[in-house]
């Protein structure tokens, strides 16, 4: 959108300078080419013989284009920062894992086995009293206030603690849900 505004301003200033009929700005395309050369700083035209109004318009055009280009740069930088800030936690966790793996690689094998055995991966996890889950994890207790939070989504898994028998494989309350 800003590039369209810059292009419109470019043609508007080129038209105005052509209407003034100053030296170097006698034709529309010559005026636009002179403005382009001024903006890109590619062999800028000699502006010594140009009158006051034409010089003022050239200065205003240069200031306007510089402000427009800075606005585009700021917009690009803010979008890039927003994109990176959404992924920063993931990058931080990946970096921490990388550091942990690198540090662990320097440890002797027996020390790594001792740490693995101390974590108790062979014991099953307990979801609730009497509700035993699979083995191979580390149990982390959640805060009791989590279930009262408005954004809490209850489990879709229906848990039935206790042992199942062939006579009563599923509790009656769970069948109705």
N, C-alpha and C. Protein backbone atom coordinates (compact mmCIF):
# COMPACT_ATOMS: atom_id res chain seq x y z
N UNK A 1 0.83 -1.19 0.00
CA UNK A 1 0.00 0.00 0.00
C UNK A 1 0.87 1.26 0.00
N UNK A 2 1.93 1.23 0.79
CA UNK A 2 2.80 2.40 0.83
C UNK A 2 3.55 2.59 -0.49
N UNK A 3 3.87 1.49 -1.15
CA UNK A 3 4.55 1.63 -2.45
C UNK A 3 3.64 2.29 -3.48
N UNK A 4 2.35 2.03 -3.40
CA UNK A 4 1.40 2.67 -4.32
C UNK A 4 1.36 4.17 -4.03
N UNK A 5 1.35 4.53 -2.76
CA UNK A 5 1.37 5.96 -2.40
C UNK A 5 2.65 6.64 -2.86
N UNK A 6 3.77 5.94 -2.74
CA UNK A 6 5.04 6.50 -3.20
C UNK A 6 5.00 6.69 -4.72
N UNK A 7 4.45 5.72 -5.44
CA UNK A 7 4.35 5.85 -6.90
C UNK A 7 3.43 7.01 -7.29
N UNK A 8 2.29 7.15 -6.60
CA UNK A 8 1.40 8.28 -6.89
C UNK A 8 2.08 9.61 -6.60
N UNK A 9 2.78 9.69 -5.49
CA UNK A 9 3.51 10.93 -5.17
C UNK A 9 4.59 11.20 -6.21
N UNK A 10 5.24 10.14 -6.65
CA UNK A 10 6.29 10.28 -7.67
C UNK A 10 5.72 10.90 -8.94
N UNK A 11 4.61 10.36 -9.42
CA UNK A 11 4.01 10.90 -10.65
C UNK A 11 3.40 12.29 -10.43
N UNK A 12 2.85 12.53 -9.24
CA UNK A 12 2.27 13.85 -8.96
C UNK A 12 3.36 14.92 -8.94
N UNK A 13 4.47 14.64 -8.27
CA UNK A 13 5.56 15.61 -8.24
C UNK A 13 6.18 15.78 -9.62
N UNK A 14 6.29 14.68 -10.39
CA UNK A 14 6.80 14.78 -11.76
C UNK A 14 5.91 15.66 -12.62
N UNK A 15 4.60 15.52 -12.45
CA UNK A 15 3.65 16.34 -13.21
C UNK A 15 3.76 17.81 -12.82
N UNK A 16 3.87 18.06 -11.50
CA UNK A 16 3.96 19.45 -11.04
C UNK A 16 5.24 20.11 -11.55
N UNK A 17 6.36 19.38 -11.49
CA UNK A 17 7.62 19.96 -11.98
C UNK A 17 7.58 20.19 -13.49
N UNK A 18 6.87 19.34 -14.22
CA UNK A 18 6.72 19.55 -15.66
C UNK A 18 5.90 20.81 -15.93
N UNK A 19 4.87 21.05 -15.11
CA UNK A 19 4.04 22.24 -15.29
C UNK A 19 4.82 23.52 -15.02
N UNK A 20 5.83 23.46 -14.14
CA UNK A 20 6.64 24.65 -13.85
C UNK A 20 7.58 25.01 -14.99
N UNK A 21 7.87 24.05 -15.87
CA UNK A 21 8.74 24.26 -17.04
C UNK A 21 10.12 24.82 -16.64
N UNK A 22 10.68 24.28 -15.58
CA UNK A 22 12.02 24.67 -15.16
C UNK A 22 13.05 23.90 -15.97
N UNK A 23 14.30 24.33 -15.87
CA UNK A 23 15.38 23.69 -16.61
C UNK A 23 15.58 22.25 -16.11
N UNK A 24 15.55 21.27 -17.01
CA UNK A 24 15.69 19.86 -16.65
C UNK A 24 14.36 19.19 -16.36
N UNK A 25 13.28 19.97 -16.27
CA UNK A 25 11.96 19.42 -15.97
C UNK A 25 10.94 19.87 -17.03
N UNK A 26 11.34 19.86 -18.30
CA UNK A 26 10.47 20.36 -19.35
C UNK A 26 9.48 19.30 -19.86
N UNK A 27 9.80 18.02 -19.73
CA UNK A 27 8.92 16.96 -20.16
C UNK A 27 8.59 16.07 -18.96
N UNK A 28 7.44 15.38 -19.05
CA UNK A 28 6.99 14.55 -17.93
C UNK A 28 7.98 13.42 -17.62
N UNK A 29 8.40 12.68 -18.66
CA UNK A 29 9.30 11.55 -18.42
C UNK A 29 10.68 12.03 -18.00
N UNK A 30 11.11 13.19 -18.49
CA UNK A 30 12.39 13.75 -18.04
C UNK A 30 12.30 14.16 -16.57
N UNK A 31 11.16 14.71 -16.15
CA UNK A 31 10.95 15.10 -14.75
C UNK A 31 10.96 13.86 -13.86
N UNK A 32 10.24 12.81 -14.29
CA UNK A 32 10.20 11.57 -13.49
C UNK A 32 11.58 10.93 -13.41
N UNK A 33 12.32 10.94 -14.52
CA UNK A 33 13.66 10.37 -14.53
C UNK A 33 14.58 11.18 -13.62
N UNK A 34 14.45 12.50 -13.62
CA UNK A 34 15.28 13.34 -12.75
C UNK A 34 14.95 13.06 -11.28
N UNK A 35 13.66 12.91 -10.94
CA UNK A 35 13.29 12.59 -9.57
C UNK A 35 13.83 11.22 -9.16
N UNK A 36 13.76 10.25 -10.07
CA UNK A 36 14.29 8.92 -9.78
C UNK A 36 15.79 8.97 -9.56
N UNK A 37 16.49 9.74 -10.37
CA UNK A 37 17.94 9.86 -10.20
C UNK A 37 18.28 10.55 -8.89
N UNK A 38 17.45 11.50 -8.46
CA UNK A 38 17.69 12.18 -7.18
C UNK A 38 17.47 11.21 -6.03
N UNK A 39 16.39 10.45 -6.08
CA UNK A 39 16.07 9.52 -4.99
C UNK A 39 17.11 8.41 -4.88
N UNK A 40 17.51 7.83 -6.01
CA UNK A 40 18.48 6.74 -6.00
C UNK A 40 19.92 7.23 -5.90
N UNK A 41 20.13 8.53 -5.97
CA UNK A 41 21.45 9.15 -5.90
C UNK A 41 22.36 8.62 -7.02
N UNK A 42 21.77 8.41 -8.19
CA UNK A 42 22.51 7.98 -9.36
C UNK A 42 22.71 9.17 -10.28
N UNK A 43 23.85 9.77 -10.26
CA UNK A 43 24.16 10.92 -11.10
C UNK A 43 23.02 11.94 -11.05
N UNK A 44 22.78 12.53 -9.85
CA UNK A 44 21.67 13.48 -9.73
C UNK A 44 21.85 14.67 -10.68
N UNK A 45 20.77 15.21 -11.19
CA UNK A 45 20.87 16.33 -12.13
C UNK A 45 21.36 17.60 -11.42
N UNK A 46 21.88 18.51 -12.23
CA UNK A 46 22.35 19.79 -11.70
C UNK A 46 21.14 20.68 -11.43
N UNK A 47 20.96 21.07 -10.17
CA UNK A 47 19.80 21.86 -9.78
C UNK A 47 20.15 23.32 -9.52
N UNK A 48 21.27 23.81 -10.08
CA UNK A 48 21.69 25.20 -9.84
C UNK A 48 20.77 26.20 -10.52
N UNK A 49 20.30 25.87 -11.73
CA UNK A 49 19.46 26.81 -12.47
C UNK A 49 17.97 26.65 -12.20
N UNK A 50 17.60 25.86 -11.21
CA UNK A 50 16.20 25.58 -10.93
C UNK A 50 15.67 26.65 -9.99
N UNK A 51 14.43 27.09 -10.23
CA UNK A 51 13.82 28.13 -9.42
C UNK A 51 13.42 27.63 -8.03
N UNK A 52 12.92 28.56 -7.22
CA UNK A 52 12.60 28.27 -5.83
C UNK A 52 11.49 27.26 -5.64
N UNK A 53 10.38 27.39 -6.41
CA UNK A 53 9.26 26.47 -6.24
C UNK A 53 9.63 25.05 -6.65
N UNK A 54 10.36 24.94 -7.75
CA UNK A 54 10.77 23.61 -8.20
C UNK A 54 11.72 22.97 -7.20
N UNK A 55 12.64 23.74 -6.65
CA UNK A 55 13.58 23.22 -5.65
C UNK A 55 12.83 22.81 -4.38
N UNK A 56 11.84 23.62 -3.99
CA UNK A 56 11.04 23.27 -2.82
C UNK A 56 10.28 21.96 -3.05
N UNK A 57 9.72 21.79 -4.25
CA UNK A 57 8.99 20.55 -4.55
C UNK A 57 9.94 19.34 -4.57
N UNK A 58 11.14 19.52 -5.09
CA UNK A 58 12.11 18.41 -5.08
C UNK A 58 12.47 18.04 -3.65
N UNK A 59 12.70 19.02 -2.80
CA UNK A 59 13.05 18.75 -1.39
C UNK A 59 11.88 18.06 -0.69
N UNK A 60 10.65 18.56 -0.90
CA UNK A 60 9.48 17.92 -0.28
C UNK A 60 9.31 16.49 -0.79
N UNK A 61 9.56 16.28 -2.06
CA UNK A 61 9.45 14.92 -2.62
C UNK A 61 10.47 13.99 -1.98
N UNK A 62 11.69 14.45 -1.86
CA UNK A 62 12.74 13.60 -1.26
C UNK A 62 12.40 13.28 0.19
N UNK A 63 11.93 14.26 0.94
CA UNK A 63 11.55 14.03 2.34
C UNK A 63 10.38 13.05 2.42
N UNK A 64 9.38 13.23 1.57
CA UNK A 64 8.22 12.33 1.57
C UNK A 64 8.59 10.90 1.23
N UNK A 65 9.44 10.72 0.22
CA UNK A 65 9.85 9.37 -0.17
C UNK A 65 10.69 8.73 0.93
N UNK A 66 11.56 9.50 1.55
CA UNK A 66 12.38 8.95 2.64
C UNK A 66 11.50 8.51 3.81
N UNK A 67 10.49 9.31 4.15
CA UNK A 67 9.57 8.93 5.24
C UNK A 67 8.78 7.68 4.84
N UNK A 68 8.33 7.62 3.61
CA UNK A 68 7.60 6.43 3.14
C UNK A 68 8.45 5.18 3.18
N UNK A 69 9.69 5.28 2.73
CA UNK A 69 10.58 4.12 2.74
C UNK A 69 10.92 3.70 4.17
N UNK A 70 11.09 4.65 5.06
CA UNK A 70 11.33 4.31 6.47
C UNK A 70 10.11 3.63 7.08
N UNK A 71 8.92 4.06 6.69
CA UNK A 71 7.71 3.40 7.18
C UNK A 71 7.64 1.95 6.72
N UNK A 72 8.01 1.71 5.47
CA UNK A 72 8.04 0.34 4.95
C UNK A 72 9.06 -0.49 5.71
N UNK A 73 10.23 0.08 5.96
CA UNK A 73 11.27 -0.64 6.70
C UNK A 73 10.81 -0.97 8.12
N UNK A 74 10.18 -0.01 8.78
CA UNK A 74 9.68 -0.25 10.14
C UNK A 74 8.61 -1.33 10.14
N UNK A 75 7.74 -1.32 9.15
CA UNK A 75 6.69 -2.35 9.07
C UNK A 75 7.30 -3.73 8.86
N UNK A 76 8.30 -3.83 8.01
CA UNK A 76 8.94 -5.12 7.77
C UNK A 76 9.66 -5.60 9.03
N UNK A 77 10.35 -4.71 9.72
CA UNK A 77 11.06 -5.11 10.93
C UNK A 77 10.09 -5.54 12.03
N UNK A 78 8.97 -4.83 12.16
CA UNK A 78 8.01 -5.21 13.21
C UNK A 78 7.35 -6.55 12.89
N UNK A 79 7.07 -6.82 11.62
CA UNK A 79 6.51 -8.12 11.26
C UNK A 79 7.51 -9.25 11.48
N UNK A 80 8.78 -8.99 11.16
CA UNK A 80 9.81 -10.01 11.41
C UNK A 80 9.97 -10.26 12.90
N UNK A 81 9.93 -9.20 13.70
CA UNK A 81 10.03 -9.36 15.15
C UNK A 81 8.83 -10.13 15.69
N UNK A 82 7.64 -9.83 15.20
CA UNK A 82 6.44 -10.54 15.65
C UNK A 82 6.52 -12.02 15.30
N UNK A 83 7.01 -12.31 14.11
CA UNK A 83 7.15 -13.71 13.69
C UNK A 83 8.15 -14.44 14.58
N UNK A 84 9.26 -13.80 14.88
CA UNK A 84 10.27 -14.45 15.71
C UNK A 84 9.84 -14.55 17.16
N UNK A 85 9.08 -13.58 17.65
CA UNK A 85 8.69 -13.62 19.06
C UNK A 85 7.67 -14.71 19.32
N UNK A 86 6.89 -15.12 18.32
CA UNK A 86 5.94 -16.22 18.54
C UNK A 86 6.67 -17.54 18.67
N UNK A 87 7.83 -17.65 18.05
CA UNK A 87 8.59 -18.90 18.08
C UNK A 87 9.71 -18.89 19.10
N UNK A 88 9.85 -17.82 19.88
CA UNK A 88 11.02 -17.71 20.75
C UNK A 88 11.04 -18.76 21.85
N UNK A 89 9.87 -19.16 22.38
CA UNK A 89 9.87 -20.18 23.42
C UNK A 89 10.32 -21.53 22.85
N UNK A 90 9.87 -21.84 21.67
CA UNK A 90 10.30 -23.09 21.04
C UNK A 90 11.79 -23.10 20.77
N UNK A 91 12.33 -21.96 20.28
CA UNK A 91 13.76 -21.87 20.04
C UNK A 91 14.54 -21.98 21.35
N UNK A 92 14.03 -21.36 22.41
CA UNK A 92 14.71 -21.42 23.71
C UNK A 92 14.73 -22.85 24.24
N UNK A 93 13.61 -23.56 24.12
CA UNK A 93 13.57 -24.95 24.58
C UNK A 93 14.50 -25.83 23.76
N UNK A 94 14.52 -25.64 22.45
CA UNK A 94 15.42 -26.43 21.61
C UNK A 94 16.87 -26.16 21.99
N UNK A 95 17.19 -24.90 22.30
CA UNK A 95 18.55 -24.56 22.68
C UNK A 95 18.91 -25.22 24.01
N UNK A 96 17.96 -25.20 24.98
CA UNK A 96 18.21 -25.84 26.27
C UNK A 96 18.42 -27.34 26.11
N UNK A 97 17.61 -27.98 25.29
CA UNK A 97 17.76 -29.41 25.06
C UNK A 97 19.10 -29.70 24.41
N UNK A 98 19.49 -28.87 23.46
CA UNK A 98 20.78 -29.05 22.80
C UNK A 98 21.91 -28.95 23.81
N UNK A 99 21.85 -27.97 24.70
CA UNK A 99 22.89 -27.81 25.73
C UNK A 99 22.90 -29.02 26.66
N UNK A 100 21.72 -29.50 27.07
CA UNK A 100 21.65 -30.67 27.96
C UNK A 100 22.24 -31.90 27.29
N UNK A 101 21.92 -32.11 26.02
CA UNK A 101 22.45 -33.28 25.31
C UNK A 101 23.96 -33.17 25.16
N UNK A 102 24.44 -31.97 24.89
CA UNK A 102 25.88 -31.78 24.77
C UNK A 102 26.60 -32.03 26.09
N UNK A 103 26.03 -31.55 27.19
CA UNK A 103 26.63 -31.78 28.51
C UNK A 103 26.56 -33.26 28.85
N UNK A 104 25.43 -33.89 28.54
CA UNK A 104 25.28 -35.32 28.83
C UNK A 104 26.27 -36.16 28.04
N UNK A 105 26.64 -35.73 26.86
CA UNK A 105 27.57 -36.51 26.05
C UNK A 105 28.96 -36.58 26.67
N UNK A 106 29.28 -35.65 27.56
CA UNK A 106 30.58 -35.66 28.22
C UNK A 106 30.58 -36.54 29.47
N UNK A 107 29.40 -36.95 29.92
CA UNK A 107 29.30 -37.76 31.14
C UNK A 107 29.65 -39.21 30.83
N UNK A 108 30.23 -39.92 31.80
CA UNK A 108 30.50 -41.34 31.58
C UNK A 108 29.19 -42.13 31.46
N UNK A 109 29.24 -43.26 30.79
CA UNK A 109 28.06 -44.07 30.54
C UNK A 109 27.42 -44.56 31.83
N UNK A 110 28.22 -44.93 32.80
CA UNK A 110 27.68 -45.43 34.06
C UNK A 110 26.91 -44.34 34.80
N UNK A 111 27.40 -43.10 34.75
CA UNK A 111 26.70 -42.00 35.40
C UNK A 111 25.37 -41.72 34.71
N UNK A 112 25.32 -41.83 33.38
CA UNK A 112 24.06 -41.65 32.66
C UNK A 112 23.07 -42.75 33.00
N UNK A 113 23.55 -43.98 33.14
CA UNK A 113 22.67 -45.09 33.53
C UNK A 113 22.12 -44.87 34.92
N UNK A 114 22.96 -44.38 35.84
CA UNK A 114 22.50 -44.12 37.21
C UNK A 114 21.40 -43.06 37.22
N UNK A 115 21.55 -42.01 36.43
CA UNK A 115 20.52 -40.96 36.35
C UNK A 115 19.24 -41.53 35.78
N UNK A 116 19.35 -42.35 34.75
CA UNK A 116 18.17 -42.97 34.13
C UNK A 116 17.45 -43.87 35.13
N UNK A 117 18.22 -44.65 35.87
CA UNK A 117 17.60 -45.55 36.87
C UNK A 117 16.96 -44.76 38.00
N UNK A 118 17.53 -43.61 38.37
CA UNK A 118 16.98 -42.80 39.46
C UNK A 118 15.65 -42.15 39.06
N UNK A 119 15.41 -41.95 37.78
CA UNK A 119 14.16 -41.34 37.33
C UNK A 119 12.98 -42.30 37.44
N UNK A 120 13.20 -43.58 37.51
CA UNK A 120 12.14 -44.55 37.72
C UNK A 120 11.23 -44.73 36.52
N UNK A 121 11.78 -44.85 35.36
CA UNK A 121 10.96 -45.04 34.17
C UNK A 121 10.27 -46.39 34.12
N UNK A 122 10.74 -47.35 34.90
CA UNK A 122 10.15 -48.69 34.86
C UNK A 122 8.86 -48.78 35.69
N UNK A 123 8.58 -47.79 36.52
CA UNK A 123 7.38 -47.81 37.35
C UNK A 123 6.21 -47.15 36.62
N UNK A 124 5.01 -47.73 36.74
CA UNK A 124 3.86 -47.11 36.06
C UNK A 124 3.45 -45.80 36.75
N UNK A 125 2.93 -44.89 35.96
CA UNK A 125 2.46 -43.61 36.47
C UNK A 125 1.07 -43.77 37.07
N UNK A 126 0.78 -43.02 38.11
CA UNK A 126 -0.52 -43.09 38.75
C UNK A 126 -1.29 -41.81 38.42
N UNK A 127 -2.41 -41.97 37.69
CA UNK A 127 -3.22 -40.82 37.33
C UNK A 127 -4.02 -40.32 38.52
N UNK A 128 -4.62 -41.23 39.22
CA UNK A 128 -5.44 -40.92 40.38
C UNK A 128 -5.30 -42.10 41.33
N UNK A 129 -5.81 -42.01 42.52
CA UNK A 129 -5.66 -43.13 43.44
C UNK A 129 -6.38 -44.34 42.85
N UNK A 130 -5.63 -45.42 42.64
CA UNK A 130 -6.19 -46.63 42.06
C UNK A 130 -6.22 -46.63 40.54
N UNK A 131 -5.88 -45.53 39.91
CA UNK A 131 -5.89 -45.41 38.44
C UNK A 131 -4.45 -45.40 37.97
N UNK A 132 -3.93 -46.57 37.61
CA UNK A 132 -2.53 -46.72 37.23
C UNK A 132 -2.42 -46.62 35.72
N UNK A 133 -1.45 -45.83 35.29
CA UNK A 133 -1.23 -45.64 33.87
C UNK A 133 -0.03 -46.41 33.37
N UNK A 134 0.49 -46.04 32.22
CA UNK A 134 1.62 -46.77 31.65
C UNK A 134 2.93 -46.39 32.33
N UNK A 135 3.93 -47.22 32.14
CA UNK A 135 5.26 -46.94 32.66
C UNK A 135 6.04 -46.13 31.62
N UNK A 136 7.15 -45.55 32.05
CA UNK A 136 8.04 -44.87 31.11
C UNK A 136 7.90 -43.37 31.09
N UNK A 137 7.44 -42.75 32.16
CA UNK A 137 7.29 -41.30 32.17
C UNK A 137 7.71 -40.72 33.51
N UNK A 138 7.73 -39.42 33.58
CA UNK A 138 8.00 -38.71 34.82
C UNK A 138 6.71 -38.00 35.21
N UNK A 139 6.24 -38.25 36.42
CA UNK A 139 4.96 -37.69 36.85
C UNK A 139 5.17 -36.27 37.36
N UNK A 140 4.33 -35.37 36.91
CA UNK A 140 4.35 -33.98 37.38
C UNK A 140 2.96 -33.66 37.89
N UNK A 141 2.88 -33.22 39.11
CA UNK A 141 1.58 -32.88 39.71
C UNK A 141 1.16 -31.51 39.19
N UNK A 142 -0.13 -31.36 38.89
CA UNK A 142 -0.64 -30.06 38.45
C UNK A 142 -1.26 -29.32 39.62
N UNK A 143 -1.30 -28.04 39.52
CA UNK A 143 -1.88 -27.19 40.54
C UNK A 143 -3.39 -27.46 40.62
N UNK A 144 -3.93 -27.43 41.82
CA UNK A 144 -5.36 -27.73 41.96
C UNK A 144 -6.23 -26.63 41.36
N UNK A 145 -5.69 -25.42 41.18
CA UNK A 145 -6.46 -24.33 40.61
C UNK A 145 -6.62 -24.42 39.10
N UNK A 146 -5.95 -25.37 38.48
CA UNK A 146 -6.04 -25.50 37.02
C UNK A 146 -7.45 -25.87 36.59
N UNK A 147 -8.10 -26.74 37.34
CA UNK A 147 -9.43 -27.21 36.95
C UNK A 147 -10.51 -26.15 37.15
N UNK A 148 -10.24 -25.12 37.93
CA UNK A 148 -11.23 -24.06 38.14
C UNK A 148 -11.02 -22.89 37.19
N UNK A 149 -9.96 -22.92 36.41
CA UNK A 149 -9.67 -21.82 35.48
C UNK A 149 -10.71 -21.82 34.36
N UNK A 150 -11.14 -20.64 33.89
CA UNK A 150 -12.19 -20.58 32.84
C UNK A 150 -11.75 -21.23 31.52
N UNK A 151 -10.46 -21.28 31.23
CA UNK A 151 -9.99 -21.86 29.97
C UNK A 151 -9.70 -23.36 30.09
N UNK A 152 -10.01 -23.95 31.23
CA UNK A 152 -9.75 -25.37 31.43
C UNK A 152 -10.68 -26.21 30.57
N UNK A 153 -10.10 -27.17 29.88
CA UNK A 153 -10.87 -28.11 29.07
C UNK A 153 -10.73 -29.48 29.74
N UNK A 154 -11.84 -30.07 30.18
CA UNK A 154 -11.74 -31.36 30.87
C UNK A 154 -11.27 -32.46 29.93
N UNK A 155 -10.73 -33.51 30.53
CA UNK A 155 -10.26 -34.66 29.76
C UNK A 155 -11.40 -35.30 28.99
N UNK A 156 -11.12 -35.72 27.77
CA UNK A 156 -12.12 -36.46 27.00
C UNK A 156 -12.02 -37.95 27.30
N UNK A 157 -10.96 -38.35 27.98
CA UNK A 157 -10.79 -39.74 28.35
C UNK A 157 -11.56 -39.99 29.64
N UNK A 158 -12.41 -40.99 29.64
CA UNK A 158 -13.18 -41.33 30.83
C UNK A 158 -12.40 -42.37 31.61
N UNK A 159 -12.00 -42.03 32.81
CA UNK A 159 -11.19 -42.93 33.62
C UNK A 159 -12.09 -43.63 34.63
N UNK A 160 -11.89 -44.92 34.75
CA UNK A 160 -12.63 -45.73 35.72
C UNK A 160 -11.62 -46.46 36.58
N UNK A 161 -11.33 -45.95 37.77
CA UNK A 161 -10.31 -46.59 38.60
C UNK A 161 -10.78 -47.94 39.11
N UNK A 162 -9.82 -48.73 39.48
CA UNK A 162 -10.12 -50.06 40.00
C UNK A 162 -9.84 -51.12 38.96
N UNK A 163 -10.03 -52.35 39.36
CA UNK A 163 -9.75 -53.45 38.44
C UNK A 163 -11.03 -53.83 37.69
N UNK A 164 -10.85 -54.21 36.45
CA UNK A 164 -12.00 -54.63 35.64
C UNK A 164 -12.17 -56.14 35.77
N UNK A 165 -13.39 -56.57 35.80
CA UNK A 165 -13.65 -58.01 35.85
C UNK A 165 -14.53 -58.38 34.66
N UNK A 166 -14.60 -59.67 34.39
CA UNK A 166 -15.39 -60.14 33.25
C UNK A 166 -16.88 -59.92 33.50
N UNK A 167 -17.30 -59.96 34.78
CA UNK A 167 -18.71 -59.77 35.11
C UNK A 167 -19.12 -58.30 35.01
N UNK A 168 -18.22 -57.42 35.36
CA UNK A 168 -18.54 -55.98 35.32
C UNK A 168 -17.36 -55.23 34.68
N UNK A 169 -17.24 -55.29 33.34
CA UNK A 169 -16.08 -54.70 32.68
C UNK A 169 -16.10 -53.17 32.64
N UNK A 170 -17.26 -52.56 32.69
CA UNK A 170 -17.34 -51.10 32.59
C UNK A 170 -18.39 -50.61 33.58
N UNK A 171 -18.08 -49.56 34.34
CA UNK A 171 -19.06 -49.03 35.31
C UNK A 171 -20.28 -48.45 34.59
N UNK A 172 -21.44 -48.51 35.25
CA UNK A 172 -22.69 -48.03 34.67
C UNK A 172 -22.66 -46.53 34.37
N UNK A 173 -22.05 -45.70 35.23
CA UNK A 173 -22.02 -44.24 35.05
C UNK A 173 -21.26 -43.84 33.81
N UNK A 174 -20.26 -44.61 33.43
CA UNK A 174 -19.45 -44.27 32.27
C UNK A 174 -20.16 -44.58 30.97
N UNK A 175 -21.11 -45.53 30.98
CA UNK A 175 -21.82 -45.90 29.74
C UNK A 175 -22.74 -44.79 29.27
N UNK A 176 -23.29 -44.02 30.19
CA UNK A 176 -24.25 -42.99 29.82
C UNK A 176 -23.59 -41.73 29.28
N UNK A 177 -22.31 -41.56 29.46
CA UNK A 177 -21.63 -40.33 29.01
C UNK A 177 -21.33 -40.36 27.56
